[in-house]
Amino acid sequence: EYAITSDDIFSLEKAPGKTLVVGASYISLECGGFLTGLGFETSIMVRSIVLRGFDRDCADRIQEDLVASGTRFIHKCVPVKIEATPEGLRKVTYENVETKQQHVEMFE
C-alpha cells in the first residue's frame, strides 16, 4: 500500500526525496544509482548479495561504484512493515535476517 514499483517511479507527481530501494537485482541497483545521481538520498536494502548469479567480481565492482557515488547499502535486512506518518513520510521497520534485530527508519 505504501510502496511503489520501479515503473511507478517515473510517474510520480513530485520528487521522491529520501528513498529506500528494496532488492539486489540489476533493476534495483539501476534505480538506486540514478536516484543518487539525481541528488536524492538513496538506500538499497539487500537480503543477501547484490546481483546473485552474475560474475562476483563485476557485481562487487558495481556495488563499490554505487557506494563511492553516495548510495547507501543496508545489508542482510528485509522490510517487515511500512507505515504512513501524519507528515507524509514512510516509517519502515526492517529486520536483520541473521540477528533478527529490528530497526526503524523514515523515508519519503
C-alpha atoms as a PDB file:
ATOM      1  CA  GLU A   1       0.000   0.000   0.000  1.00  0.00           C
ATOM      2  CA  TYR A   2       2.827   2.448   0.811  1.00  0.00           C
ATOM      3  CA  ALA A   3       5.433   1.233  -1.683  1.00  0.00           C
ATOM      4  CA  ILE A   4       5.761   1.555  -5.441  1.00  0.00           C
ATOM      5  CA  THR A   5       7.371  -0.461  -8.235  1.00  0.00           C
ATOM      6  CA  SER A   6      10.346   0.593 -10.329  1.00  0.00           C
ATOM      7  CA  ASP A   7       7.951   1.517 -13.168  1.00  0.00           C
ATOM      8  CA  ASP A   8       5.899   3.765 -10.886  1.00  0.00           C
ATOM      9  CA  ILE A   9       8.863   5.970 -10.052  1.00  0.00           C
ATOM     10  CA  PHE A  10       8.667   7.572 -13.499  1.00  0.00           C
ATOM     11  CA  SER A  11       5.080   8.752 -12.990  1.00  0.00           C
ATOM     12  CA  LEU A  12       5.426  10.357  -9.560  1.00  0.00           C
ATOM     13  CA  GLU A  13       3.907  13.822  -9.309  1.00  0.00           C
ATOM     14  CA  LYS A  14       6.726  15.083  -7.073  1.00  0.00           C
ATOM     15  CA  ALA A  15      10.382  14.245  -6.472  1.00  0.00           C
ATOM     16  CA  PRO A  16      10.850  11.093  -4.375  1.00  0.00           C
ATOM     17  CA  GLY A  17      13.171  12.563  -1.731  1.00  0.00           C
ATOM     18  CA  LYS A  18      14.924  10.166   0.657  1.00  0.00           C
ATOM     19  CA  THR A  19      14.270   6.787  -0.947  1.00  0.00           C
ATOM     20  CA  LEU A  20      14.553   3.127   0.019  1.00  0.00           C
ATOM     21  CA  VAL A  21      15.026   0.644  -2.818  1.00  0.00           C
ATOM     22  CA  VAL A  22      14.362  -2.953  -1.797  1.00  0.00           C
ATOM     23  CA  GLY A  23      16.196  -5.681  -3.695  1.00  0.00           C
ATOM     24  CA  ALA A  24      19.542  -6.537  -5.208  1.00  0.00           C
ATOM     25  CA  SER A  25      18.658  -7.101  -8.861  1.00  0.00           C
ATOM     26  CA  TYR A  26      20.037  -5.022 -11.700  1.00  0.00           C
ATOM     27  CA  ILE A  27      16.791  -3.009 -11.763  1.00  0.00           C
ATOM     28  CA  SER A  28      17.110  -2.210  -8.043  1.00  0.00           C
ATOM     29  CA  LEU A  29      20.721  -1.155  -8.463  1.00  0.00           C
ATOM     30  CA  GLU A  30      19.880   0.880 -11.559  1.00  0.00           C
ATOM     31  CA  CYS A  31      17.071   2.716  -9.742  1.00  0.00           C
ATOM     32  CA  GLY A  32      19.259   3.320  -6.706  1.00  0.00           C
ATOM     33  CA  GLY A  33      22.068   4.594  -8.890  1.00  0.00           C
ATOM     34  CA  PHE A  34      20.033   7.056 -10.912  1.00  0.00           C
ATOM     35  CA  LEU A  35      18.223   8.367  -7.821  1.00  0.00           C
ATOM     36  CA  THR A  36      21.576   9.008  -6.146  1.00  0.00           C
ATOM     37  CA  GLY A  37      22.800  10.604  -9.376  1.00  0.00           C
ATOM     38  CA  LEU A  38      19.802  12.935  -9.347  1.00  0.00           C
ATOM     39  CA  GLY A  39      20.783  14.034  -5.845  1.00  0.00           C
ATOM     40  CA  PHE A  40      18.327  12.062  -3.709  1.00  0.00           C
ATOM     41  CA  GLU A  41      19.464  10.327  -0.532  1.00  0.00           C
ATOM     42  CA  THR A  42      19.106   6.675  -1.526  1.00  0.00           C
ATOM     43  CA  SER A  43      19.465   3.401   0.367  1.00  0.00           C
ATOM     44  CA  ILE A  44      19.335  -0.064  -1.180  1.00  0.00           C
ATOM     45  CA  MET A  45      18.200  -2.879   1.113  1.00  0.00           C
ATOM     46  CA  VAL A  46      19.805  -6.228   0.301  1.00  0.00           C
ATOM     47  CA  ARG A  47      18.796  -9.532   1.924  1.00  0.00           C
ATOM     48  CA  SER A  48      21.912 -11.453   0.835  1.00  0.00           C
ATOM     49  CA  ILE A  49      24.160 -10.396  -2.074  1.00  0.00           C
ATOM     50  CA  VAL A  50      23.831  -7.991  -4.984  1.00  0.00           C
ATOM     51  CA  LEU A  51      23.305  -9.395  -8.460  1.00  0.00           C
ATOM     52  CA  ARG A  52      23.013 -13.060  -7.488  1.00  0.00           C
ATOM     53  CA  GLY A  53      24.044 -15.223 -10.443  1.00  0.00           C
ATOM     54  CA  PHE A  54      26.242 -12.525 -12.006  1.00  0.00           C
ATOM     55  CA  ASP A  55      30.031 -12.583 -12.061  1.00  0.00           C
ATOM     56  CA  ARG A  56      31.082 -11.823  -8.463  1.00  0.00           C
ATOM     57  CA  ASP A  57      33.939  -9.507  -9.428  1.00  0.00           C
ATOM     58  CA  CYS A  58      31.615  -7.439 -11.637  1.00  0.00           C
ATOM     59  CA  ALA A  59      28.831  -7.414  -9.042  1.00  0.00           C
ATOM     60  CA  ASP A  60      31.234  -6.314  -6.299  1.00  0.00           C
ATOM     61  CA  ARG A  61      32.655  -3.572  -8.533  1.00  0.00           C
ATOM     62  CA  ILE A  62      29.171  -2.251  -9.316  1.00  0.00           C
ATOM     63  CA  GLN A  63      28.343  -2.127  -5.616  1.00  0.00           C
ATOM     64  CA  GLU A  64      31.642  -0.377  -4.840  1.00  0.00           C
ATOM     65  CA  ASP A  65      30.949   2.221  -7.542  1.00  0.00           C
ATOM     66  CA  LEU A  66      27.445   2.853  -6.190  1.00  0.00           C
ATOM     67  CA  VAL A  67      28.811   3.310  -2.669  1.00  0.00           C
ATOM     68  CA  ALA A  68      31.510   5.665  -3.992  1.00  0.00           C
ATOM     69  CA  SER A  69      28.802   7.748  -5.689  1.00  0.00           C
ATOM     70  CA  GLY A  70      26.865   8.080  -2.423  1.00  0.00           C
ATOM     71  CA  THR A  71      24.370   5.212  -2.467  1.00  0.00           C
ATOM     72  CA  ARG A  72      23.966   3.586   0.940  1.00  0.00           C
ATOM     73  CA  PHE A  73      23.508  -0.176   1.282  1.00  0.00           C
ATOM     74  CA  ILE A  74      21.597  -1.830   4.120  1.00  0.00           C
ATOM     75  CA  HIS A  75      22.906  -5.403   4.093  1.00  0.00           C
ATOM     76  CA  LYS A  76      21.306  -8.609   5.366  1.00  0.00           C
ATOM     77  CA  CYS A  77      17.941  -6.928   6.026  1.00  0.00           C
ATOM     78  CA  VAL A  78      14.333  -7.192   4.862  1.00  0.00           C
ATOM     79  CA  PRO A  79      11.428  -4.820   5.417  1.00  0.00           C
ATOM     80  CA  VAL A  80       8.794  -6.124   7.827  1.00  0.00           C
ATOM     81  CA  LYS A  81       6.428  -3.144   7.983  1.00  0.00           C
ATOM     82  CA  ILE A  82       5.815   0.142   6.154  1.00  0.00           C
ATOM     83  CA  GLU A  83       3.563   2.733   7.730  1.00  0.00           C
ATOM     84  CA  ALA A  84       2.493   6.220   6.662  1.00  0.00           C
ATOM     85  CA  THR A  85       3.088   9.055   9.123  1.00  0.00           C
ATOM     86  CA  PRO A  86       0.856  12.121   9.515  1.00  0.00           C
ATOM     87  CA  GLU A  87       3.693  14.175   7.954  1.00  0.00           C
ATOM     88  CA  GLY A  88       3.521  12.109   4.760  1.00  0.00           C
ATOM     89  CA  LEU A  89       6.688  10.101   5.398  1.00  0.00           C
ATOM     90  CA  ARG A  90       7.096   6.322   5.349  1.00  0.00           C
ATOM     91  CA  LYS A  91       8.157   4.675   8.586  1.00  0.00           C
ATOM     92  CA  VAL A  92       9.983   1.494   7.573  1.00  0.00           C
ATOM     93  CA  THR A  93      10.662  -1.240  10.090  1.00  0.00           C
ATOM     94  CA  TYR A  94      13.255  -3.682   8.836  1.00  0.00           C
ATOM     95  CA  GLU A  95      14.927  -6.740  10.293  1.00  0.00           C
ATOM     96  CA  ASN A  96      18.410  -8.210  10.035  1.00  0.00           C
ATOM     97  CA  VAL A  97      17.949 -11.731   8.627  1.00  0.00           C
ATOM     98  CA  GLU A  98      20.762 -13.138  10.774  1.00  0.00           C
ATOM     99  CA  THR A  99      20.348 -11.427  14.138  1.00  0.00           C
ATOM    100  CA  LYS A 100      16.585 -10.710  13.883  1.00  0.00           C
ATOM    101  CA  GLN A 101      17.328  -7.242  15.288  1.00  0.00           C
ATOM    102  CA  GLN A 102      14.797  -4.676  14.052  1.00  0.00           C
ATOM    103  CA  HIS A 103      15.478  -1.093  13.002  1.00  0.00           C
ATOM    104  CA  VAL A 104      13.159   1.777  12.156  1.00  0.00           C
ATOM    105  CA  GLU A 105      13.948   4.500   9.640  1.00  0.00           C
ATOM    106  CA  MET A 106      11.970   7.256   7.941  1.00  0.00           C
ATOM    107  CA  PHE A 107      11.865   7.673   4.175  1.00  0.00           C
ATOM    108  CA  GLU A 108       9.984   9.996   1.833  1.00  0.00           C
END
